[in-house]
Protein backbone atom coordinates (compact mmCIF):
# COMPACT_ATOMS: atom_id res chain seq x y z
CA UNK A 1 0.34 -0.07 -0.05
CA UNK A 2 2.89 2.51 0.81
CA UNK A 3 4.57 1.75 -2.50
CA UNK A 4 1.92 2.04 -4.62
CA UNK A 5 0.92 5.04 -6.60
CA UNK A 6 -2.06 7.48 -5.63
CA UNK A 7 -3.78 10.62 -7.04
CA UNK A 8 -6.60 12.92 -5.97
CA UNK A 9 -9.56 12.45 -7.41
CA UNK A 10 -13.60 14.44 -7.64
CA UNK A 11 -15.77 13.02 -6.17
CA UNK A 12 -18.18 13.98 -8.76
CA UNK A 13 -15.89 11.84 -11.19
CA UNK A 14 -16.29 8.74 -8.93
CA UNK A 15 -19.74 9.04 -8.79
CA UNK A 16 -20.20 9.22 -12.37
CA UNK A 17 -18.11 6.10 -12.59
CA UNK A 18 -20.34 4.27 -10.11
CA UNK A 19 -22.89 5.02 -12.29
CA UNK A 20 -21.79 4.08 -15.52
CA UNK A 21 -21.00 0.90 -13.52
CA UNK A 22 -23.90 0.29 -12.27
CA UNK A 23 -26.60 2.25 -14.03
CA UNK A 24 -29.15 4.42 -12.27
CA UNK A 25 -31.86 1.79 -10.75
CA UNK A 26 -31.10 -1.50 -9.17
CA UNK A 27 -30.73 -4.70 -11.50
CA UNK A 28 -31.14 -7.29 -8.17
CA UNK A 29 -33.70 -10.02 -7.97
CA UNK A 30 -36.81 -8.90 -6.29
CA UNK A 31 -36.08 -4.88 -6.07
CA UNK A 32 -38.09 -2.04 -7.33
CA UNK A 33 -36.44 -0.35 -10.10
CA UNK A 34 -36.64 2.99 -8.50
CA UNK A 35 -33.52 5.10 -9.02
CA UNK A 36 -29.85 4.25 -6.72
CA UNK A 37 -29.42 6.01 -4.01
CA UNK A 38 -25.60 6.61 -3.85
CA UNK A 39 -24.82 7.72 -0.21
CA UNK A 40 -21.62 9.98 0.20
CA UNK A 41 -19.84 10.68 3.30
CA UNK A 42 -16.01 11.25 4.22
CA UNK A 43 -13.74 9.97 6.89
CA UNK A 44 -10.73 12.42 6.69
CA UNK A 45 -9.39 11.96 3.09
CA UNK A 46 -11.18 8.96 2.95
CA UNK A 47 -13.90 8.94 0.19
CA UNK A 48 -17.05 6.42 1.28
CA UNK A 49 -19.99 5.21 -1.40
CA UNK A 50 -20.97 1.93 -0.37
CA UNK A 51 -17.89 1.12 -1.41
CA UNK A 52 -14.01 2.08 -0.18
CA UNK A 53 -11.64 4.46 -2.21
CA UNK A 54 -9.11 3.18 0.38
CA UNK A 55 -7.46 -0.07 1.57
CA UNK A 56 -7.48 -0.90 5.52
CA UNK A 57 -4.57 -1.53 7.71
CA UNK A 58 -5.88 -2.96 10.98
CA UNK A 59 -8.85 -1.26 10.61
CA UNK A 60 -7.47 2.19 9.99
CA UNK A 61 -7.67 3.75 6.93
CA UNK A 62 -4.63 3.16 5.30
CA UNK A 63 -4.70 7.04 3.14
CA UNK A 64 -5.26 8.77 5.96
CA UNK A 65 -2.60 6.78 8.11
CA UNK A 66 -0.21 7.36 5.16
CA UNK A 67 -1.07 10.97 4.80
CA UNK A 68 -0.50 11.87 8.54
CA UNK A 69 2.94 9.90 8.69
CA UNK A 70 3.92 12.07 5.79
CA UNK A 71 3.08 15.22 7.77
CA UNK A 72 5.46 14.59 10.67
CA UNK A 73 8.08 12.64 8.88
CA UNK A 74 8.32 15.57 6.07
CA UNK A 75 8.79 18.65 8.66
CA UNK A 76 5.01 19.60 8.06
CA UNK A 77 2.76 20.86 10.43
CA UNK A 78 -0.84 19.94 10.54
CA UNK A 79 -1.85 23.79 10.00
CA UNK A 80 -0.13 24.48 7.08
CA UNK A 81 -1.19 21.23 5.57
CA UNK A 82 -4.95 21.57 6.28
CA UNK A 83 -4.84 24.87 5.01
CA UNK A 84 -3.72 23.50 1.38
CA UNK A 85 -6.38 21.55 1.07
CA UNK A 86 -9.25 23.56 2.34
CA UNK A 87 -8.04 25.77 -0.19
CA UNK A 88 -7.87 23.14 -2.91
CA UNK A 89 -11.23 22.00 -1.14
CA UNK A 90 -9.96 18.22 -0.44
CA UNK A 91 -11.44 16.33 2.40
CA UNK A 92 -9.01 16.19 5.27
CA UNK A 93 -9.43 14.54 8.65
CA UNK A 94 -9.55 16.33 12.09
CA UNK A 95 -6.73 17.36 13.88
CA UNK A 96 -7.64 15.23 17.01
CA UNK A 97 -7.63 12.12 14.96
CA UNK A 98 -4.01 13.39 13.32
CA UNK A 99 -2.82 13.83 17.12
CA UNK A 100 -4.42 10.05 17.57
CA UNK A 101 -2.33 8.97 14.72
CA UNK A 102 0.83 10.06 15.98
CA UNK A 103 0.85 8.88 19.48
CA UNK A 104 -0.76 5.35 18.72
CA UNK A 105 1.12 4.63 15.50
CA UNK A 106 3.32 7.48 14.03
CA UNK A 107 5.62 8.36 16.81
CA UNK A 108 6.02 4.50 18.48
CA UNK A 109 7.15 3.33 14.88
CA UNK A 110 9.66 6.25 14.62
CA UNK A 111 10.77 5.96 18.29
CA UNK A 112 10.85 2.34 17.85
CA UNK A 113 12.97 2.20 14.21
CA UNK A 114 15.29 5.32 16.07
CA UNK A 115 16.25 2.62 19.29
CA UNK A 116 17.46 -0.55 16.73
CA UNK A 117 19.38 2.12 14.51
CA UNK A 118 21.36 3.69 17.77
CA UNK A 119 21.93 -0.29 18.92
CA UNK A 120 23.17 -1.18 16.11
CA UNK A 121 25.85 1.61 15.36
CA UNK A 122 26.78 1.65 18.68
CA UNK A 123 27.45 -2.55 18.60
CA UNK A 124 29.09 -1.92 15.26
CA UNK A 125 31.97 0.94 17.37
CA UNK A 126 31.78 -1.07 20.59
CA UNK A 127 35.62 -1.22 21.73
CA UNK A 128 36.83 1.64 19.14
CA UNK A 129 38.00 5.25 19.86
CA UNK A 130 35.84 7.90 18.45
CA UNK A 131 35.69 11.46 17.30
CA UNK A 132 32.72 12.74 17.49
CA UNK A 133 31.05 16.16 16.27
CA UNK A 134 28.23 17.64 18.18
CA UNK A 135 25.68 20.43 17.92
CA UNK A 136 22.09 21.62 19.26
CA UNK A 137 19.20 23.46 17.54
CA UNK A 138 16.44 25.55 19.22
CA UNK A 139 13.00 25.23 18.40
CA UNK A 140 13.15 28.95 17.81
CA UNK A 141 15.56 31.55 17.75
CA UNK A 142 16.34 34.10 20.21
CA UNK A 143 15.94 33.35 24.10
CA UNK A 144 12.19 31.93 24.23
CA UNK A 145 13.23 28.64 22.87
CA UNK A 146 10.84 26.17 24.60
CA UNK A 147 13.22 22.54 23.47
CA UNK A 148 16.78 22.34 22.06
CA UNK A 149 17.28 19.04 20.39
CA UNK A 150 20.91 17.91 20.97
CA UNK A 151 22.89 15.65 18.55
CA UNK A 152 26.27 13.92 18.12
CA UNK A 153 27.84 12.14 14.91
CA UNK A 154 30.67 10.01 13.96
CA UNK A 155 33.01 12.55 12.83
CA UNK A 156 33.76 10.30 9.85
CA UNK A 157 30.67 8.22 8.59
CA UNK A 158 28.68 11.48 9.23
CA UNK A 159 26.07 8.54 11.21
CA UNK A 160 24.23 10.37 14.38
CA UNK A 161 24.96 8.10 16.90
CA UNK A 162 22.79 10.03 20.00
CA UNK A 163 20.02 12.42 20.24
CA UNK A 164 18.78 14.27 23.33
CA UNK A 165 16.35 16.94 23.70
CA UNK A 166 16.02 19.30 26.59
CA UNK A 167 12.86 21.41 27.80
CA UNK A 168 13.33 24.74 28.96
CA UNK A 169 11.91 23.81 32.24
CA UNK A 170 14.56 21.07 32.71
CA UNK A 171 18.02 23.10 33.25
CA UNK A 172 18.50 25.90 36.08
CA UNK A 173 17.19 28.91 35.73
CA UNK A 174 14.73 28.15 32.96
CA UNK A 175 16.96 29.89 30.91
CA UNK A 176 16.84 28.85 27.16
CA UNK A 177 20.77 29.58 26.91
CA UNK A 178 21.43 26.50 29.23
CA UNK A 179 19.80 23.82 26.88
CA UNK A 180 22.57 23.29 25.18
CA UNK A 181 24.89 22.62 27.95
CA UNK A 182 22.52 20.23 29.05
CA UNK A 183 21.72 18.32 26.36
CA UNK A 184 25.56 17.60 25.55
CA UNK A 185 25.91 16.48 29.07
CA UNK A 186 23.31 14.24 28.42
CA UNK A 187 24.15 12.85 25.55
CA UNK A 188 27.82 12.25 26.09
CA UNK A 189 27.44 10.66 29.77
CA UNK A 190 25.43 7.98 28.16
CA UNK A 191 28.00 7.03 25.44
CA UNK A 192 30.59 7.02 28.10
CA UNK A 193 28.47 4.26 29.70
CA UNK A 194 28.78 2.08 26.44
CA UNK A 195 31.46 0.02 25.28
CA UNK A 196 32.62 3.23 22.86
CA UNK A 197 35.73 5.01 23.39
CA UNK A 198 34.95 8.85 23.19
CA UNK A 199 38.53 10.27 22.72
CA UNK A 200 37.70 13.44 20.81
CA UNK A 201 34.78 15.70 20.58
CA UNK A 202 34.20 19.03 18.50
CA UNK A 203 31.45 21.65 19.28
CA UNK A 204 31.41 25.11 18.37
CA UNK A 205 32.26 27.93 20.90
CA UNK A 206 30.15 27.28 23.50
CA UNK A 207 31.42 28.97 26.55
CA UNK A 208 29.15 26.90 28.83
CA UNK A 209 30.23 23.50 26.95
CA UNK A 210 34.33 24.49 27.03
CA UNK A 211 34.07 25.06 30.69
CA UNK A 212 31.89 21.75 31.09
CA UNK A 213 34.80 19.84 29.77
CA UNK A 214 37.68 21.64 31.25
CA UNK A 215 36.44 21.18 34.72
CA UNK A 216 34.49 17.72 34.76
CA UNK A 217 36.47 15.36 36.09
CA UNK A 218 34.60 12.72 34.26
CA UNK A 219 35.27 14.16 31.26
CA UNK A 220 39.07 14.40 31.47
CA UNK A 221 40.75 11.66 28.73
CA UNK A 222 38.29 13.89 26.67
CA UNK A 223 40.50 16.05 24.06
CA UNK A 224 37.68 18.70 23.15
CA UNK A 225 38.26 21.35 20.04
CA UNK A 226 36.29 23.98 18.34
CA UNK A 227 34.63 23.54 14.66
CA UNK A 228 36.36 25.74 12.36
CA UNK A 229 33.56 27.03 10.76
CA UNK A 230 32.11 28.59 13.81
CA UNK A 231 35.83 30.41 14.51
CA UNK A 232 35.94 31.35 11.00
CA UNK A 233 32.56 32.91 11.14
CA UNK A 234 33.58 34.37 14.32
CA UNK A 235 36.95 36.12 12.84
CA UNK A 236 34.85 37.48 9.81
CA UNK A 237 32.58 39.22 11.76
CA UNK A 238 35.47 41.13 13.71
CA UNK A 239 37.13 41.53 10.34
CA UNK A 240 34.00 43.13 8.73
CA UNK A 241 33.41 45.23 11.59
CA UNK A 242 37.04 46.83 11.53
CA UNK A 243 36.67 47.24 7.91
CA UNK A 244 33.73 49.36 8.38
CA UNK A 245 35.85 51.53 10.72
CA UNK A 246 36.88 54.76 9.18
């Protein structure tokens, strides 16, 4: 069902097709010759006219579930996609149904896939020395972010080895600036408990992370390097500022 081709269809054309196939009156034995009455209804993007326009998957309409999954996996939002469907006057499922799909099917499946990929990657690197790169990304710019996603990657293979999501309510003073340091510490501490050997890590010039690695006893065997790109960007800003002086 996932790999089969799909298309958008007009309900009026589907009704024309049904009428051409079955006629306007019922031909079954002992049935009256009154005009056939087709009952139309929508369940999300699923169109029902006494037959199913979509297959089902464990009593769930496959098209609805696939579209809900595509919204989440493509980084889109329910609001934006729903507005697009509204402009095109295409039937769309409700936000409560979308949230239900995410809670029951989409999020658990994604989490299961991630945990398996993470376990395989860690087992593959057991006993090996690692050079890691890491960085964090907030859900909004400035100092009003609610969540920070911090990631560690293998410097050579570029494969993501660990991810932690930090809520601003979990850090001291509820300051967004502190989330990156907490995310870094949680990721690295978990990896240090594995059979992998973390020899070196590269971060951008975050002051708190630099101080943490320098002063924490648990990180004494880890070499800390600064990201060249961030350093070059900082130098470029300073050179540009000096160049503007009279």
